[in-house]
């Protein structure tokens, strides 16, 4: 017996993000507990004093270390229709707060919306000259998170096209 309108859980999206990051060669271990770790998941971010100072009790799904100064924030919502809300929160709730710091910056954000039944939508943006820009692949959004080499390429290059990005094995990205 089920009610007619069961709600989706954000836990699906959290699991999806963690699995995708691992497949895309990020070390998903908690950086506060493992020297090689690169991904703070939810409240793990509070172990980073600088991020904690600016985020307070706000915790996105993931904060990824790109280098000693730059970070990537991922926010999730449980329904695909909420993709803009996820991206907006990543930008205006989390990145904006982090970017008040003089020591660290959030330079990439992602919104992930969906669940295991309905599928997922992913939107990625990067910060350039104080403006958030969509990361487009051949002029289109792709429902993928960024691999480690792609994220580093974006932050290390002034401009880029999808064709410039490293490691684009098609099978990794086919929906």
N, C-alpha and C. Protein backbone atom coordinates (compact mmCIF):
# COMPACT_ATOMS: atom_id res chain seq x y z
N UNK A 1 0.83 -1.18 0.00
CA UNK A 1 0.00 0.00 0.00
C UNK A 1 0.88 1.25 0.00
N UNK A 2 0.67 2.10 -0.97
CA UNK A 2 1.41 3.36 -1.07
C UNK A 2 0.42 4.49 -1.26
N UNK A 3 0.79 5.68 -0.76
CA UNK A 3 -0.10 6.79 -1.05
C UNK A 3 0.07 7.20 -2.50
N UNK A 4 -0.82 8.00 -3.02
CA UNK A 4 -0.82 8.32 -4.44
C UNK A 4 0.29 9.27 -4.87
N UNK A 5 0.82 10.03 -3.96
CA UNK A 5 1.84 11.03 -4.32
C UNK A 5 3.07 10.92 -3.41
N UNK A 6 3.81 9.80 -3.48
CA UNK A 6 5.01 9.73 -2.65
C UNK A 6 6.04 10.76 -3.14
N UNK A 7 6.76 11.37 -2.21
CA UNK A 7 7.75 12.36 -2.60
C UNK A 7 9.10 11.69 -2.82
N UNK A 8 9.90 12.31 -3.67
CA UNK A 8 11.24 11.81 -3.93
C UNK A 8 12.16 12.25 -2.80
N UNK A 9 13.30 11.59 -2.70
CA UNK A 9 14.25 11.90 -1.65
C UNK A 9 15.50 12.52 -2.25
N UNK A 10 16.06 13.51 -1.56
CA UNK A 10 17.31 14.12 -1.99
C UNK A 10 18.47 13.14 -1.78
N UNK A 11 18.25 12.10 -1.01
CA UNK A 11 19.30 11.10 -0.76
C UNK A 11 19.74 10.46 -2.08
N UNK A 12 18.79 10.23 -3.00
CA UNK A 12 19.14 9.67 -4.32
C UNK A 12 20.18 10.56 -5.00
N UNK A 13 19.92 11.86 -5.02
CA UNK A 13 20.83 12.80 -5.69
C UNK A 13 22.19 12.82 -5.00
N UNK A 14 22.19 12.76 -3.68
CA UNK A 14 23.44 12.74 -2.93
C UNK A 14 24.28 11.51 -3.34
N UNK A 15 23.63 10.35 -3.39
CA UNK A 15 24.32 9.11 -3.78
C UNK A 15 24.82 9.21 -5.22
N UNK A 16 23.97 9.75 -6.10
CA UNK A 16 24.33 9.93 -7.51
C UNK A 16 25.59 10.81 -7.63
N UNK A 17 25.63 11.93 -6.92
CA UNK A 17 26.77 12.84 -6.97
C UNK A 17 28.04 12.11 -6.52
N UNK A 18 27.96 11.43 -5.41
CA UNK A 18 29.12 10.72 -4.87
C UNK A 18 29.63 9.67 -5.86
N UNK A 19 28.72 8.89 -6.44
CA UNK A 19 29.12 7.85 -7.40
C UNK A 19 29.70 8.45 -8.67
N UNK A 20 29.08 9.53 -9.17
CA UNK A 20 29.58 10.18 -10.38
C UNK A 20 30.98 10.75 -10.16
N UNK A 21 31.18 11.44 -9.04
CA UNK A 21 32.50 12.02 -8.76
C UNK A 21 33.57 10.94 -8.70
N UNK A 22 33.23 9.84 -8.09
CA UNK A 22 34.19 8.73 -7.99
C UNK A 22 34.52 8.19 -9.39
N UNK A 23 33.50 8.01 -10.22
CA UNK A 23 33.73 7.54 -11.59
C UNK A 23 34.56 8.52 -12.40
N UNK A 24 34.44 9.81 -12.08
CA UNK A 24 35.14 10.86 -12.82
C UNK A 24 36.51 11.18 -12.21
N UNK A 25 37.01 10.25 -11.40
CA UNK A 25 38.37 10.26 -10.88
C UNK A 25 38.65 11.29 -9.80
N UNK A 26 37.60 11.70 -9.07
CA UNK A 26 37.81 12.52 -7.88
C UNK A 26 38.01 11.57 -6.70
N UNK A 27 38.87 11.95 -5.77
CA UNK A 27 39.03 11.16 -4.56
C UNK A 27 37.96 11.65 -3.58
N UNK A 28 36.93 10.83 -3.36
CA UNK A 28 35.77 11.27 -2.59
C UNK A 28 35.96 11.13 -1.07
N UNK A 29 37.17 10.81 -0.65
CA UNK A 29 37.43 10.74 0.79
C UNK A 29 37.36 12.14 1.39
N UNK A 30 36.94 12.21 2.64
CA UNK A 30 36.87 13.47 3.39
C UNK A 30 38.28 14.05 3.53
N UNK A 31 38.52 15.27 2.99
CA UNK A 31 39.86 15.88 3.07
C UNK A 31 40.33 16.12 4.50
N UNK A 32 39.40 16.23 5.44
CA UNK A 32 39.78 16.45 6.83
C UNK A 32 40.32 15.17 7.47
N UNK A 33 39.99 14.04 6.87
CA UNK A 33 40.41 12.76 7.46
C UNK A 33 41.42 12.01 6.60
N UNK A 34 41.56 12.42 5.33
CA UNK A 34 42.46 11.73 4.41
C UNK A 34 43.21 12.77 3.59
N UNK A 35 44.54 12.69 3.63
CA UNK A 35 45.36 13.68 2.94
C UNK A 35 45.05 13.76 1.44
N UNK A 36 44.72 12.63 0.84
CA UNK A 36 44.44 12.64 -0.60
C UNK A 36 42.98 12.95 -0.93
N UNK A 37 42.14 13.08 0.09
CA UNK A 37 40.72 13.38 -0.12
C UNK A 37 40.50 14.73 -0.77
N UNK A 38 39.45 14.82 -1.62
CA UNK A 38 39.16 16.05 -2.36
C UNK A 38 37.72 16.52 -2.22
N UNK A 39 36.86 15.73 -1.58
CA UNK A 39 35.43 16.04 -1.57
C UNK A 39 34.87 16.08 -0.15
N UNK A 40 34.46 17.28 0.26
CA UNK A 40 33.71 17.41 1.51
C UNK A 40 32.25 17.11 1.18
N UNK A 41 31.66 16.14 1.86
CA UNK A 41 30.26 15.81 1.65
C UNK A 41 29.44 16.36 2.82
N UNK A 42 28.47 17.19 2.51
CA UNK A 42 27.56 17.79 3.47
C UNK A 42 28.30 18.36 4.69
N UNK A 43 28.03 17.87 5.90
CA UNK A 43 28.59 18.52 7.09
C UNK A 43 30.10 18.35 7.25
N UNK A 44 30.75 17.53 6.42
CA UNK A 44 32.21 17.40 6.48
C UNK A 44 32.90 18.74 6.22
N UNK A 45 32.22 19.62 5.48
CA UNK A 45 32.79 20.93 5.13
C UNK A 45 33.09 21.77 6.38
N UNK A 46 32.40 21.48 7.48
CA UNK A 46 32.61 22.23 8.71
C UNK A 46 33.99 22.00 9.31
N UNK A 47 34.71 20.98 8.86
CA UNK A 47 36.07 20.72 9.34
C UNK A 47 37.07 21.70 8.73
N UNK A 48 36.68 22.35 7.62
CA UNK A 48 37.55 23.35 7.00
C UNK A 48 37.23 24.70 7.63
N UNK A 49 38.15 25.23 8.43
CA UNK A 49 37.88 26.44 9.19
C UNK A 49 37.48 27.63 8.33
N UNK A 50 38.13 27.80 7.20
CA UNK A 50 37.82 28.94 6.33
C UNK A 50 36.42 28.80 5.73
N UNK A 51 36.11 27.62 5.22
CA UNK A 51 34.77 27.40 4.65
C UNK A 51 33.70 27.50 5.73
N UNK A 52 33.99 26.95 6.90
CA UNK A 52 33.03 27.01 8.01
C UNK A 52 32.75 28.46 8.40
N UNK A 53 33.79 29.28 8.44
CA UNK A 53 33.62 30.68 8.82
C UNK A 53 32.63 31.39 7.91
N UNK A 54 32.67 31.09 6.62
CA UNK A 54 31.81 31.80 5.67
C UNK A 54 30.48 31.10 5.41
N UNK A 55 30.46 29.78 5.48
CA UNK A 55 29.20 29.06 5.25
C UNK A 55 28.34 28.99 6.51
N UNK A 56 28.97 29.09 7.67
CA UNK A 56 28.21 28.93 8.91
C UNK A 56 27.63 27.53 8.96
N UNK A 57 26.31 27.44 9.14
CA UNK A 57 25.66 26.12 9.19
C UNK A 57 25.07 25.71 7.84
N UNK A 58 25.36 26.49 6.78
CA UNK A 58 24.90 26.14 5.43
C UNK A 58 25.80 25.08 4.84
N UNK A 59 25.21 23.98 4.38
CA UNK A 59 26.03 22.91 3.84
C UNK A 59 25.47 22.40 2.53
N UNK A 60 26.19 22.63 1.43
CA UNK A 60 25.77 22.05 0.16
C UNK A 60 26.03 20.54 0.17
N UNK A 61 25.58 19.87 -0.87
CA UNK A 61 25.80 18.41 -0.96
C UNK A 61 27.29 18.09 -1.00
N UNK A 62 28.06 18.90 -1.74
CA UNK A 62 29.50 18.63 -1.84
C UNK A 62 30.26 19.93 -2.09
N UNK A 63 31.47 19.99 -1.52
CA UNK A 63 32.42 21.04 -1.83
C UNK A 63 33.71 20.32 -2.20
N UNK A 64 34.20 20.61 -3.40
CA UNK A 64 35.36 19.90 -3.93
C UNK A 64 36.55 20.84 -3.98
N UNK A 65 37.68 20.33 -3.52
CA UNK A 65 38.92 21.09 -3.55
C UNK A 65 39.52 21.00 -4.94
N UNK A 66 39.66 22.14 -5.62
CA UNK A 66 40.29 22.19 -6.94
C UNK A 66 41.80 22.44 -6.81
N UNK A 67 42.15 23.30 -5.86
CA UNK A 67 43.55 23.57 -5.51
C UNK A 67 43.53 24.22 -4.13
N UNK A 68 44.62 24.78 -3.69
CA UNK A 68 44.68 25.31 -2.32
C UNK A 68 43.77 26.52 -2.09
N UNK A 69 43.28 27.14 -3.15
CA UNK A 69 42.48 28.35 -3.04
C UNK A 69 41.08 28.19 -3.63
N UNK A 70 40.94 27.39 -4.68
CA UNK A 70 39.70 27.34 -5.45
C UNK A 70 38.88 26.07 -5.16
N UNK A 71 37.55 26.29 -5.12
CA UNK A 71 36.62 25.23 -4.77
C UNK A 71 35.47 25.15 -5.77
N UNK A 72 34.79 24.00 -5.74
CA UNK A 72 33.62 23.73 -6.58
C UNK A 72 32.50 23.30 -5.63
N UNK A 73 31.34 23.95 -5.74
CA UNK A 73 30.18 23.64 -4.90
C UNK A 73 29.12 22.92 -5.72
N UNK A 74 28.56 21.86 -5.16
CA UNK A 74 27.46 21.13 -5.80
C UNK A 74 26.26 21.14 -4.86
N UNK A 75 25.12 21.57 -5.38
CA UNK A 75 23.86 21.55 -4.62
C UNK A 75 22.87 20.67 -5.36
N UNK A 76 22.05 19.94 -4.62
CA UNK A 76 21.10 19.01 -5.22
C UNK A 76 19.67 19.29 -4.76
N UNK A 77 18.75 18.93 -5.63
CA UNK A 77 17.32 18.94 -5.33
C UNK A 77 16.74 17.61 -5.79
N UNK A 78 15.64 17.23 -5.18
CA UNK A 78 15.11 15.88 -5.43
C UNK A 78 14.26 15.74 -6.69
N UNK A 79 13.82 16.85 -7.28
CA UNK A 79 12.98 16.79 -8.48
C UNK A 79 13.64 17.52 -9.64
N UNK A 80 13.58 16.93 -10.83
CA UNK A 80 14.22 17.52 -12.01
C UNK A 80 13.75 18.96 -12.26
N UNK A 81 12.50 19.25 -11.94
CA UNK A 81 11.95 20.59 -12.18
C UNK A 81 12.67 21.65 -11.33
N UNK A 82 13.42 21.23 -10.32
CA UNK A 82 14.10 22.17 -9.41
C UNK A 82 15.56 22.43 -9.78
N UNK A 83 15.94 22.14 -11.03
CA UNK A 83 17.35 22.33 -11.42
C UNK A 83 17.79 23.78 -11.27
N UNK A 84 16.94 24.73 -11.65
CA UNK A 84 17.33 26.14 -11.54
C UNK A 84 17.49 26.55 -10.07
N UNK A 85 16.64 25.99 -9.21
CA UNK A 85 16.74 26.27 -7.78
C UNK A 85 18.06 25.73 -7.21
N UNK A 86 18.44 24.54 -7.64
CA UNK A 86 19.71 23.94 -7.17
C UNK A 86 20.89 24.80 -7.61
N UNK A 87 20.88 25.24 -8.86
CA UNK A 87 21.97 26.06 -9.38
C UNK A 87 21.99 27.43 -8.68
N UNK A 88 20.80 28.00 -8.48
CA UNK A 88 20.70 29.30 -7.81
C UNK A 88 21.22 29.22 -6.37
N UNK A 89 20.89 28.16 -5.65
CA UNK A 89 21.39 28.01 -4.28
C UNK A 89 22.91 27.80 -4.27
N UNK A 90 23.42 27.02 -5.21
CA UNK A 90 24.87 26.82 -5.29
C UNK A 90 25.56 28.17 -5.48
N UNK A 91 24.98 29.01 -6.32
CA UNK A 91 25.56 30.31 -6.65
C UNK A 91 25.34 31.34 -5.56
N UNK A 92 24.08 31.56 -5.18
CA UNK A 92 23.73 32.70 -4.33
C UNK A 92 23.68 32.39 -2.84
N UNK A 93 23.65 31.12 -2.50
CA UNK A 93 23.65 30.77 -1.08
C UNK A 93 25.04 30.34 -0.64
N UNK A 94 25.68 29.47 -1.43
CA UNK A 94 26.96 28.92 -1.00
C UNK A 94 28.17 29.64 -1.60
N UNK A 95 28.25 29.72 -2.92
CA UNK A 95 29.42 30.35 -3.56
C UNK A 95 29.57 31.81 -3.13
N UNK A 96 28.47 32.52 -3.07
CA UNK A 96 28.52 33.94 -2.68
C UNK A 96 29.13 34.10 -1.29
N UNK A 97 28.73 33.22 -0.36
CA UNK A 97 29.28 33.29 0.99
C UNK A 97 30.77 32.95 1.00
N UNK A 98 31.13 31.88 0.32
CA UNK A 98 32.55 31.47 0.26
C UNK A 98 33.38 32.59 -0.36
N UNK A 99 32.83 33.25 -1.38
CA UNK A 99 33.59 34.27 -2.09
C UNK A 99 33.74 35.58 -1.32
N UNK A 100 33.17 35.65 -0.12
CA UNK A 100 33.45 36.77 0.78
C UNK A 100 34.81 36.60 1.46
N UNK A 101 35.35 35.39 1.40
CA UNK A 101 36.65 35.11 1.98
C UNK A 101 37.76 35.79 1.17
N UNK A 102 38.81 36.18 1.86
CA UNK A 102 40.00 36.72 1.17
C UNK A 102 40.99 35.59 0.86
N UNK A 103 40.73 34.39 1.40
CA UNK A 103 41.68 33.29 1.26
C UNK A 103 41.26 32.23 0.25
N UNK A 104 39.95 32.00 0.09
CA UNK A 104 39.48 30.95 -0.81
C UNK A 104 38.37 31.50 -1.71
N UNK A 105 38.15 30.82 -2.83
CA UNK A 105 37.11 31.23 -3.77
C UNK A 105 36.38 30.00 -4.31
N UNK A 106 35.09 30.16 -4.51
CA UNK A 106 34.31 29.14 -5.23
C UNK A 106 34.27 29.59 -6.68
N UNK A 107 34.82 28.78 -7.58
CA UNK A 107 34.93 29.17 -8.99
C UNK A 107 34.11 28.29 -9.93
N UNK A 108 33.61 27.18 -9.43
CA UNK A 108 32.73 26.30 -10.22
C UNK A 108 31.55 25.93 -9.34
N UNK A 109 30.36 25.92 -9.93
CA UNK A 109 29.17 25.46 -9.22
C UNK A 109 28.43 24.48 -10.11
N UNK A 110 27.70 23.57 -9.47
CA UNK A 110 26.84 22.65 -10.19
C UNK A 110 25.53 22.50 -9.44
N UNK A 111 24.47 22.40 -10.19
CA UNK A 111 23.17 22.03 -9.66
C UNK A 111 22.85 20.65 -10.19
N UNK A 112 22.38 19.78 -9.33
CA UNK A 112 21.96 18.44 -9.71
C UNK A 112 20.53 18.29 -9.22
N UNK A 113 19.63 17.87 -10.11
CA UNK A 113 18.24 17.71 -9.71
C UNK A 113 17.70 16.41 -10.28
N UNK A 114 17.00 15.68 -9.44
CA UNK A 114 16.38 14.44 -9.89
C UNK A 114 16.49 13.35 -8.86
N UNK A 115 16.21 12.16 -9.33
CA UNK A 115 16.21 10.98 -8.47
C UNK A 115 16.40 9.75 -9.34
N UNK A 116 16.56 8.61 -8.70
CA UNK A 116 16.86 7.38 -9.44
C UNK A 116 15.72 6.95 -10.36
N UNK A 117 14.49 7.31 -10.05
CA UNK A 117 13.35 6.91 -10.88
C UNK A 117 13.19 7.82 -12.09
N UNK A 118 13.25 9.13 -11.87
CA UNK A 118 13.01 10.09 -12.95
C UNK A 118 14.27 10.48 -13.71
N UNK A 119 15.43 10.12 -13.20
CA UNK A 119 16.68 10.53 -13.83
C UNK A 119 17.16 11.85 -13.26
N UNK A 120 18.25 12.36 -13.83
CA UNK A 120 18.91 13.55 -13.29
C UNK A 120 19.17 14.60 -14.37
N UNK A 121 19.18 15.85 -13.93
CA UNK A 121 19.62 16.96 -14.76
C UNK A 121 20.79 17.59 -14.00
N UNK A 122 21.85 17.93 -14.74
CA UNK A 122 23.02 18.57 -14.14
C UNK A 122 23.31 19.84 -14.93
N UNK A 123 23.59 20.93 -14.22
CA UNK A 123 24.01 22.19 -14.84
C UNK A 123 25.28 22.65 -14.12
N UNK A 124 26.28 23.05 -14.92
CA UNK A 124 27.57 23.49 -14.40
C UNK A 124 27.85 24.92 -14.85
N UNK A 125 28.45 25.70 -13.97
CA UNK A 125 28.86 27.06 -14.32
C UNK A 125 30.24 27.33 -13.71
N UNK A 126 30.96 28.26 -14.35
CA UNK A 126 32.25 28.69 -13.81
C UNK A 126 32.26 30.20 -13.71
N UNK A 127 33.07 30.70 -12.79
CA UNK A 127 33.15 32.13 -12.52
C UNK A 127 34.33 32.72 -13.27
N UNK A 128 34.03 33.74 -14.10
CA UNK A 128 35.08 34.44 -14.84
C UNK A 128 34.75 35.92 -14.83
N UNK A 129 35.69 36.72 -14.35
CA UNK A 129 35.49 38.18 -14.27
C UNK A 129 34.19 38.52 -13.54
N UNK A 130 33.96 37.86 -12.42
CA UNK A 130 32.80 38.10 -11.55
C UNK A 130 31.45 37.73 -12.18
N UNK A 131 31.46 36.97 -13.27
CA UNK A 131 30.22 36.56 -13.93
C UNK A 131 30.19 35.03 -14.01
N UNK A 132 29.05 34.44 -13.65
CA UNK A 132 28.89 32.99 -13.76
C UNK A 132 28.48 32.65 -15.19
N UNK A 133 29.22 31.74 -15.81
CA UNK A 133 28.99 31.33 -17.19
C UNK A 133 28.65 29.85 -17.24
N UNK A 134 27.69 29.48 -18.09
CA UNK A 134 27.37 28.07 -18.28
C UNK A 134 28.56 27.34 -18.90
N UNK A 135 28.79 26.13 -18.43
CA UNK A 135 29.77 25.26 -19.07
C UNK A 135 28.98 24.43 -20.07
N UNK A 136 29.17 24.76 -21.33
CA UNK A 136 28.43 24.10 -22.40
C UNK A 136 29.35 23.17 -23.17
N UNK A 137 28.80 22.09 -23.65
CA UNK A 137 29.55 21.12 -24.42
C UNK A 137 28.95 21.12 -25.82
N UNK A 138 29.73 21.58 -26.80
CA UNK A 138 29.21 21.76 -28.17
C UNK A 138 27.97 22.65 -28.15
N UNK A 139 28.00 23.69 -27.32
CA UNK A 139 26.91 24.65 -27.28
C UNK A 139 25.69 24.22 -26.49
N UNK A 140 25.76 23.06 -25.85
CA UNK A 140 24.60 22.54 -25.13
C UNK A 140 24.98 22.13 -23.70
N UNK A 141 23.95 22.11 -22.84
CA UNK A 141 24.13 21.54 -21.51
C UNK A 141 24.22 20.02 -21.67
N UNK A 142 25.07 19.40 -20.91
CA UNK A 142 25.11 17.95 -20.83
C UNK A 142 24.84 17.59 -19.37
N UNK A 143 24.12 16.54 -19.15
CA UNK A 143 23.76 16.14 -17.79
C UNK A 143 24.90 15.35 -17.15
N UNK A 144 26.03 16.04 -16.99
CA UNK A 144 27.21 15.39 -16.42
C UNK A 144 27.91 16.33 -15.45
N UNK A 145 28.50 15.75 -14.45
CA UNK A 145 29.42 16.51 -13.60
C UNK A 145 30.77 16.53 -14.32
N UNK A 146 31.67 17.33 -13.85
CA UNK A 146 32.97 17.48 -14.50
C UNK A 146 33.98 16.48 -13.95
N UNK A 147 34.78 15.95 -14.86
CA UNK A 147 35.88 15.11 -14.40
C UNK A 147 36.93 16.02 -13.78
N UNK A 148 37.84 15.43 -13.07
CA UNK A 148 38.91 16.20 -12.44
C UNK A 148 39.71 16.96 -13.50
N UNK A 149 40.10 16.30 -14.56
CA UNK A 149 40.91 16.98 -15.58
C UNK A 149 40.12 18.09 -16.28
N UNK A 150 38.81 17.91 -16.47
CA UNK A 150 38.01 18.96 -17.09
C UNK A 150 37.92 20.19 -16.17
N UNK A 151 37.63 19.97 -14.90
CA UNK A 151 37.52 21.09 -13.95
C UNK A 151 38.83 21.86 -13.87
N UNK A 152 39.94 21.15 -13.80
CA UNK A 152 41.24 21.82 -13.71
C UNK A 152 41.57 22.55 -15.01
N UNK A 153 41.19 21.98 -16.14
CA UNK A 153 41.41 22.65 -17.43
C UNK A 153 40.63 23.97 -17.48
N UNK A 154 39.39 23.94 -17.01
CA UNK A 154 38.54 25.14 -17.02
C UNK A 154 39.16 26.25 -16.17
N UNK A 155 39.61 25.91 -14.96
CA UNK A 155 40.15 26.97 -14.10
C UNK A 155 41.54 27.43 -14.52
N UNK A 156 42.23 26.63 -15.32
CA UNK A 156 43.59 26.99 -15.75
C UNK A 156 43.66 27.62 -17.13
N UNK A 157 42.54 27.77 -17.82
CA UNK A 157 42.52 28.33 -19.16
C UNK A 157 41.53 29.48 -19.25
N UNK A 158 41.92 30.54 -19.93
CA UNK A 158 41.06 31.73 -20.05
C UNK A 158 39.74 31.42 -20.75
N UNK A 159 39.83 30.75 -21.88
CA UNK A 159 38.61 30.40 -22.61
C UNK A 159 38.75 28.94 -23.01
N UNK A 160 37.63 28.33 -23.30
CA UNK A 160 37.69 26.93 -23.72
C UNK A 160 36.41 26.59 -24.48
N UNK A 161 36.51 25.58 -25.27
CA UNK A 161 35.36 24.99 -25.96
C UNK A 161 35.29 23.54 -25.50
N UNK A 162 34.12 22.94 -25.65
CA UNK A 162 33.95 21.53 -25.30
C UNK A 162 35.04 20.68 -25.93
N UNK A 163 35.35 20.97 -27.19
CA UNK A 163 36.35 20.16 -27.90
C UNK A 163 37.74 20.29 -27.28
N UNK A 164 37.97 21.38 -26.52
CA UNK A 164 39.26 21.57 -25.85
C UNK A 164 39.38 20.73 -24.59
N UNK A 165 38.25 20.40 -23.99
CA UNK A 165 38.29 19.73 -22.68
C UNK A 165 38.91 18.35 -22.78
N UNK A 166 39.74 18.01 -21.81
CA UNK A 166 40.37 16.69 -21.83
C UNK A 166 39.39 15.57 -21.50
N UNK A 167 39.82 14.39 -21.73
CA UNK A 167 39.13 13.12 -21.40
C UNK A 167 37.63 13.14 -21.64
N UNK A 168 37.24 13.10 -22.88
CA UNK A 168 35.80 13.07 -23.18
C UNK A 168 35.41 11.71 -23.76
N UNK A 169 35.65 10.64 -23.02
CA UNK A 169 35.19 9.36 -23.57
C UNK A 169 33.66 9.37 -23.62
N UNK A 170 33.13 9.27 -24.81
CA UNK A 170 31.68 9.39 -25.03
C UNK A 170 30.85 8.45 -24.15
N UNK A 171 31.34 7.22 -23.99
CA UNK A 171 30.53 6.27 -23.21
C UNK A 171 30.31 6.73 -21.78
N UNK A 172 31.23 7.54 -21.25
CA UNK A 172 31.10 8.04 -19.89
C UNK A 172 29.91 9.01 -19.78
N UNK A 173 29.57 9.64 -20.93
CA UNK A 173 28.60 10.72 -20.88
C UNK A 173 27.28 10.42 -21.58
N UNK A 174 27.14 9.27 -22.15
CA UNK A 174 25.89 8.95 -22.84
C UNK A 174 24.81 8.75 -21.78
N UNK A 175 23.72 9.50 -21.91
CA UNK A 175 22.65 9.46 -20.90
C UNK A 175 21.92 8.13 -20.95
